[in-house]
Amino acid sequence: MRYEVLIQPEAEQDIEEAYCWLAEQSPTRAALWYNRLVDAVLSLETLAARCPIAPESPVFQREIRHLVHGTYRILFTIKGNEVRILHVRHSARDHLKPE
C-alpha cells in the first residue's frame, strides 16, 4: 500500500527549530540532516507500518508510531492511506504528553 504523507504544522515547526539550531552549529551538517530527514519521511510512503509503536501511544489512546532519525524521533499516525507526521523531537526530550 502506498501512503500519502502529510506533515502537520507542529511537525513543520519542530523541523524548522531543529534545523535552525543545527545551522548555528554547522550549516553543512544542518543541510545534511534535513536532506536525510526528508528521505526518512518519504520512506513512510511505502513502509510506514515497519516502525514500532511510540512510548507515547498509550497516553494518547491511539496508535502513534515513531521512526528514529539520528538523535530525533519522527512521531506519526497511520489512518487509512494517510501517514500524518505529528512531531519531530530530539530523543533526549521527555516523551510527548497531552497538553
N, C-alpha and C. Protein backbone atom coordinates (compact mmCIF):
# COMPACT_ATOMS: atom_id res chain seq x y z
N MET A 1 0.84 -1.18 0.00
CA MET A 1 0.00 0.00 0.00
C MET A 1 0.88 1.24 0.00
N ARG A 2 0.48 2.22 -0.75
CA ARG A 2 1.21 3.50 -0.80
C ARG A 2 0.43 4.52 0.03
N TYR A 3 1.15 5.22 0.89
CA TYR A 3 0.54 6.21 1.77
C TYR A 3 0.84 7.62 1.28
N GLU A 4 -0.08 8.52 1.58
CA GLU A 4 0.16 9.95 1.38
C GLU A 4 0.71 10.47 2.71
N VAL A 5 1.87 11.09 2.67
CA VAL A 5 2.49 11.60 3.89
C VAL A 5 2.13 13.07 4.04
N LEU A 6 1.53 13.41 5.18
CA LEU A 6 1.11 14.77 5.47
C LEU A 6 1.86 15.26 6.71
N ILE A 7 2.58 16.34 6.57
CA ILE A 7 3.33 16.89 7.70
C ILE A 7 2.47 17.96 8.35
N GLN A 8 2.14 17.73 9.61
CA GLN A 8 1.30 18.65 10.36
C GLN A 8 2.08 19.91 10.74
N PRO A 9 1.37 21.03 10.96
CA PRO A 9 2.05 22.29 11.28
C PRO A 9 3.01 22.19 12.47
N GLU A 10 2.63 21.43 13.50
CA GLU A 10 3.50 21.29 14.67
C GLU A 10 4.82 20.63 14.29
N ALA A 11 4.74 19.62 13.42
CA ALA A 11 5.95 18.94 12.96
C ALA A 11 6.80 19.87 12.10
N GLU A 12 6.16 20.67 11.26
CA GLU A 12 6.91 21.65 10.45
C GLU A 12 7.68 22.60 11.36
N GLN A 13 7.03 23.04 12.42
CA GLN A 13 7.69 23.93 13.37
C GLN A 13 8.85 23.22 14.07
N ASP A 14 8.65 21.98 14.47
CA ASP A 14 9.72 21.20 15.10
C ASP A 14 10.93 21.09 14.17
N ILE A 15 10.66 20.81 12.90
CA ILE A 15 11.74 20.65 11.91
C ILE A 15 12.49 21.97 11.73
N GLU A 16 11.75 23.05 11.62
CA GLU A 16 12.39 24.36 11.45
C GLU A 16 13.26 24.72 12.65
N GLU A 17 12.76 24.48 13.86
CA GLU A 17 13.53 24.79 15.06
C GLU A 17 14.80 23.94 15.13
N ALA A 18 14.68 22.66 14.83
CA ALA A 18 15.85 21.78 14.86
C ALA A 18 16.87 22.20 13.81
N TYR A 19 16.38 22.50 12.62
CA TYR A 19 17.28 22.92 11.54
C TYR A 19 18.01 24.20 11.93
N CYS A 20 17.31 25.18 12.45
CA CYS A 20 17.94 26.45 12.84
C CYS A 20 18.99 26.23 13.91
N TRP A 21 18.68 25.39 14.89
CA TRP A 21 19.66 25.11 15.95
C TRP A 21 20.89 24.44 15.36
N LEU A 22 20.68 23.44 14.51
CA LEU A 22 21.81 22.74 13.89
C LEU A 22 22.62 23.68 13.00
N ALA A 23 21.93 24.57 12.29
CA ALA A 23 22.61 25.50 11.38
C ALA A 23 23.52 26.46 12.13
N GLU A 24 23.16 26.80 13.36
CA GLU A 24 24.04 27.66 14.18
C GLU A 24 25.34 26.94 14.49
N GLN A 25 25.26 25.61 14.66
CA GLN A 25 26.44 24.82 14.95
C GLN A 25 27.25 24.55 13.68
N SER A 26 26.54 24.15 12.62
CA SER A 26 27.20 23.79 11.36
C SER A 26 26.17 23.81 10.23
N PRO A 27 26.22 24.81 9.36
CA PRO A 27 25.27 24.86 8.24
C PRO A 27 25.33 23.62 7.35
N THR A 28 26.50 23.08 7.14
CA THR A 28 26.64 21.89 6.30
C THR A 28 25.96 20.70 6.96
N ARG A 29 26.19 20.53 8.25
CA ARG A 29 25.57 19.43 8.98
C ARG A 29 24.05 19.58 9.01
N ALA A 30 23.56 20.81 9.15
CA ALA A 30 22.13 21.05 9.17
C ALA A 30 21.49 20.67 7.84
N ALA A 31 22.13 21.03 6.75
CA ALA A 31 21.60 20.69 5.42
C ALA A 31 21.57 19.18 5.23
N LEU A 32 22.63 18.51 5.64
CA LEU A 32 22.69 17.05 5.53
C LEU A 32 21.59 16.41 6.38
N TRP A 33 21.42 16.89 7.60
CA TRP A 33 20.37 16.38 8.49
C TRP A 33 19.00 16.55 7.84
N TYR A 34 18.75 17.72 7.30
CA TYR A 34 17.45 18.00 6.69
C TYR A 34 17.19 17.08 5.49
N ASN A 35 18.18 16.94 4.63
CA ASN A 35 18.02 16.08 3.45
C ASN A 35 17.75 14.63 3.84
N ARG A 36 18.44 14.16 4.87
CA ARG A 36 18.22 12.79 5.33
C ARG A 36 16.86 12.66 6.02
N LEU A 37 16.43 13.71 6.69
CA LEU A 37 15.10 13.71 7.30
C LEU A 37 14.03 13.57 6.23
N VAL A 38 14.17 14.33 5.15
CA VAL A 38 13.21 14.24 4.05
C VAL A 38 13.18 12.82 3.50
N ASP A 39 14.33 12.21 3.32
CA ASP A 39 14.39 10.81 2.85
C ASP A 39 13.67 9.87 3.81
N ALA A 40 13.89 10.07 5.11
CA ALA A 40 13.25 9.21 6.12
C ALA A 40 11.73 9.37 6.07
N VAL A 41 11.27 10.61 5.98
CA VAL A 41 9.83 10.87 5.92
C VAL A 41 9.24 10.24 4.65
N LEU A 42 9.92 10.41 3.53
CA LEU A 42 9.41 9.84 2.27
C LEU A 42 9.39 8.31 2.30
N SER A 43 10.26 7.71 3.10
CA SER A 43 10.25 6.24 3.21
C SER A 43 8.95 5.74 3.81
N LEU A 44 8.23 6.60 4.50
CA LEU A 44 6.96 6.21 5.11
C LEU A 44 5.84 6.08 4.09
N GLU A 45 6.09 6.51 2.86
CA GLU A 45 5.08 6.36 1.81
C GLU A 45 4.77 4.88 1.54
N THR A 46 5.75 4.03 1.74
CA THR A 46 5.55 2.61 1.43
C THR A 46 5.72 1.68 2.62
N LEU A 47 6.47 2.06 3.61
CA LEU A 47 6.78 1.12 4.68
C LEU A 47 6.49 1.68 6.08
N ALA A 48 5.42 2.41 6.22
CA ALA A 48 5.13 3.06 7.50
C ALA A 48 4.91 2.08 8.65
N ALA A 49 4.26 0.97 8.37
CA ALA A 49 3.92 0.02 9.44
C ALA A 49 5.14 -0.73 9.98
N ARG A 50 6.30 -0.55 9.36
CA ARG A 50 7.52 -1.22 9.85
C ARG A 50 8.01 -0.59 11.15
N CYS A 51 7.57 0.61 11.43
CA CYS A 51 8.06 1.37 12.58
C CYS A 51 7.31 0.96 13.84
N PRO A 52 8.01 0.92 14.97
CA PRO A 52 7.37 0.47 16.22
C PRO A 52 6.40 1.51 16.79
N ILE A 53 5.57 1.03 17.68
CA ILE A 53 4.66 1.90 18.42
C ILE A 53 5.50 2.77 19.36
N ALA A 54 5.19 4.06 19.39
CA ALA A 54 5.93 5.00 20.24
C ALA A 54 5.49 4.85 21.69
N PRO A 55 6.38 5.15 22.64
CA PRO A 55 6.01 5.07 24.06
C PRO A 55 4.82 5.97 24.41
N GLU A 56 4.62 7.04 23.65
CA GLU A 56 3.51 7.97 23.91
C GLU A 56 2.15 7.40 23.56
N SER A 57 2.12 6.37 22.75
CA SER A 57 0.87 5.86 22.20
C SER A 57 -0.20 5.57 23.26
N PRO A 58 0.09 4.85 24.34
CA PRO A 58 -0.95 4.56 25.33
C PRO A 58 -1.52 5.82 26.00
N VAL A 59 -0.69 6.83 26.19
CA VAL A 59 -1.13 8.06 26.84
C VAL A 59 -2.19 8.77 25.98
N PHE A 60 -2.01 8.72 24.67
CA PHE A 60 -2.93 9.39 23.76
C PHE A 60 -4.08 8.49 23.32
N GLN A 61 -4.06 7.25 23.75
CA GLN A 61 -5.10 6.27 23.44
C GLN A 61 -5.35 6.16 21.94
N ARG A 62 -4.27 6.23 21.18
CA ARG A 62 -4.32 5.96 19.75
C ARG A 62 -2.94 5.48 19.33
N GLU A 63 -2.89 4.85 18.20
CA GLU A 63 -1.64 4.27 17.76
C GLU A 63 -0.73 5.37 17.16
N ILE A 64 0.32 5.67 17.90
CA ILE A 64 1.34 6.60 17.42
C ILE A 64 2.61 5.78 17.23
N ARG A 65 3.20 5.90 16.09
CA ARG A 65 4.44 5.18 15.78
C ARG A 65 5.58 6.18 15.72
N HIS A 66 6.80 5.65 15.73
CA HIS A 66 7.94 6.55 15.58
C HIS A 66 9.02 5.92 14.72
N LEU A 67 9.70 6.79 14.03
CA LEU A 67 10.83 6.42 13.19
C LEU A 67 12.02 7.21 13.72
N VAL A 68 13.07 6.52 14.07
CA VAL A 68 14.27 7.18 14.60
C VAL A 68 15.12 7.67 13.44
N HIS A 69 15.49 8.94 13.52
CA HIS A 69 16.34 9.58 12.51
C HIS A 69 17.50 10.23 13.26
N GLY A 70 18.62 9.54 13.34
CA GLY A 70 19.76 10.05 14.12
C GLY A 70 19.35 10.17 15.57
N THR A 71 19.43 11.37 16.11
CA THR A 71 19.03 11.60 17.50
C THR A 71 17.62 12.17 17.61
N TYR A 72 16.87 12.11 16.54
CA TYR A 72 15.49 12.61 16.50
C TYR A 72 14.51 11.47 16.28
N ARG A 73 13.29 11.69 16.77
CA ARG A 73 12.21 10.73 16.54
C ARG A 73 11.12 11.42 15.74
N ILE A 74 10.68 10.77 14.69
CA ILE A 74 9.58 11.25 13.86
C ILE A 74 8.33 10.53 14.36
N LEU A 75 7.42 11.26 14.98
CA LEU A 75 6.19 10.69 15.53
C LEU A 75 5.07 10.84 14.51
N PHE A 76 4.35 9.74 14.26
CA PHE A 76 3.32 9.79 13.24
C PHE A 76 2.20 8.80 13.52
N THR A 77 1.07 9.01 12.83
CA THR A 77 -0.05 8.09 12.86
C THR A 77 -0.31 7.58 11.45
N ILE A 78 -0.95 6.44 11.39
CA ILE A 78 -1.40 5.88 10.12
C ILE A 78 -2.91 5.74 10.20
N LYS A 79 -3.59 6.33 9.25
CA LYS A 79 -5.05 6.19 9.19
C LYS A 79 -5.45 6.09 7.73
N GLY A 80 -6.02 4.95 7.39
CA GLY A 80 -6.38 4.72 6.00
C GLY A 80 -5.14 4.75 5.13
N ASN A 81 -5.15 5.59 4.12
CA ASN A 81 -3.99 5.69 3.24
C ASN A 81 -3.13 6.92 3.56
N GLU A 82 -3.28 7.47 4.77
CA GLU A 82 -2.52 8.66 5.16
C GLU A 82 -1.58 8.37 6.32
N VAL A 83 -0.40 8.93 6.22
CA VAL A 83 0.55 8.99 7.32
C VAL A 83 0.63 10.45 7.71
N ARG A 84 0.33 10.75 8.96
CA ARG A 84 0.39 12.13 9.45
C ARG A 84 1.57 12.27 10.39
N ILE A 85 2.52 13.11 9.98
CA ILE A 85 3.68 13.38 10.83
C ILE A 85 3.22 14.39 11.88
N LEU A 86 3.27 13.99 13.14
CA LEU A 86 2.78 14.83 14.23
C LEU A 86 3.86 15.73 14.81
N HIS A 87 5.02 15.15 15.06
CA HIS A 87 6.13 15.89 15.69
C HIS A 87 7.44 15.27 15.26
N VAL A 88 8.48 16.07 15.33
CA VAL A 88 9.86 15.60 15.17
C VAL A 88 10.58 16.11 16.41
N ARG A 89 10.98 15.18 17.28
CA ARG A 89 11.52 15.55 18.59
C ARG A 89 12.89 14.93 18.82
N HIS A 90 13.76 15.68 19.46
CA HIS A 90 15.06 15.13 19.85
C HIS A 90 14.81 14.02 20.86
N SER A 91 15.55 12.94 20.73
CA SER A 91 15.32 11.78 21.59
C SER A 91 15.67 12.04 23.05
N ALA A 92 16.43 13.09 23.35
CA ALA A 92 16.76 13.42 24.73
C ALA A 92 15.60 14.12 25.45
N ARG A 93 14.63 14.60 24.69
CA ARG A 93 13.48 15.28 25.30
C ARG A 93 12.55 14.25 25.94
N ASP A 94 11.79 14.72 26.92
CA ASP A 94 10.77 13.87 27.53
C ASP A 94 9.77 13.43 26.48
N HIS A 95 9.12 12.33 26.73
CA HIS A 95 8.10 11.86 25.81
C HIS A 95 6.96 12.87 25.73
N LEU A 96 6.34 12.92 24.60
CA LEU A 96 5.22 13.82 24.36
C LEU A 96 4.08 13.50 25.31
N LYS A 97 3.44 14.55 25.82
CA LYS A 97 2.31 14.39 26.74
C LYS A 97 1.14 15.22 26.23
N PRO A 98 -0.09 14.81 26.57
CA PRO A 98 -1.25 15.64 26.18
C PRO A 98 -1.12 17.01 26.83
N GLU A 99 -1.54 18.01 26.11
CA GLU A 99 -1.44 19.39 26.65
C GLU A 99 -2.69 19.77 27.36
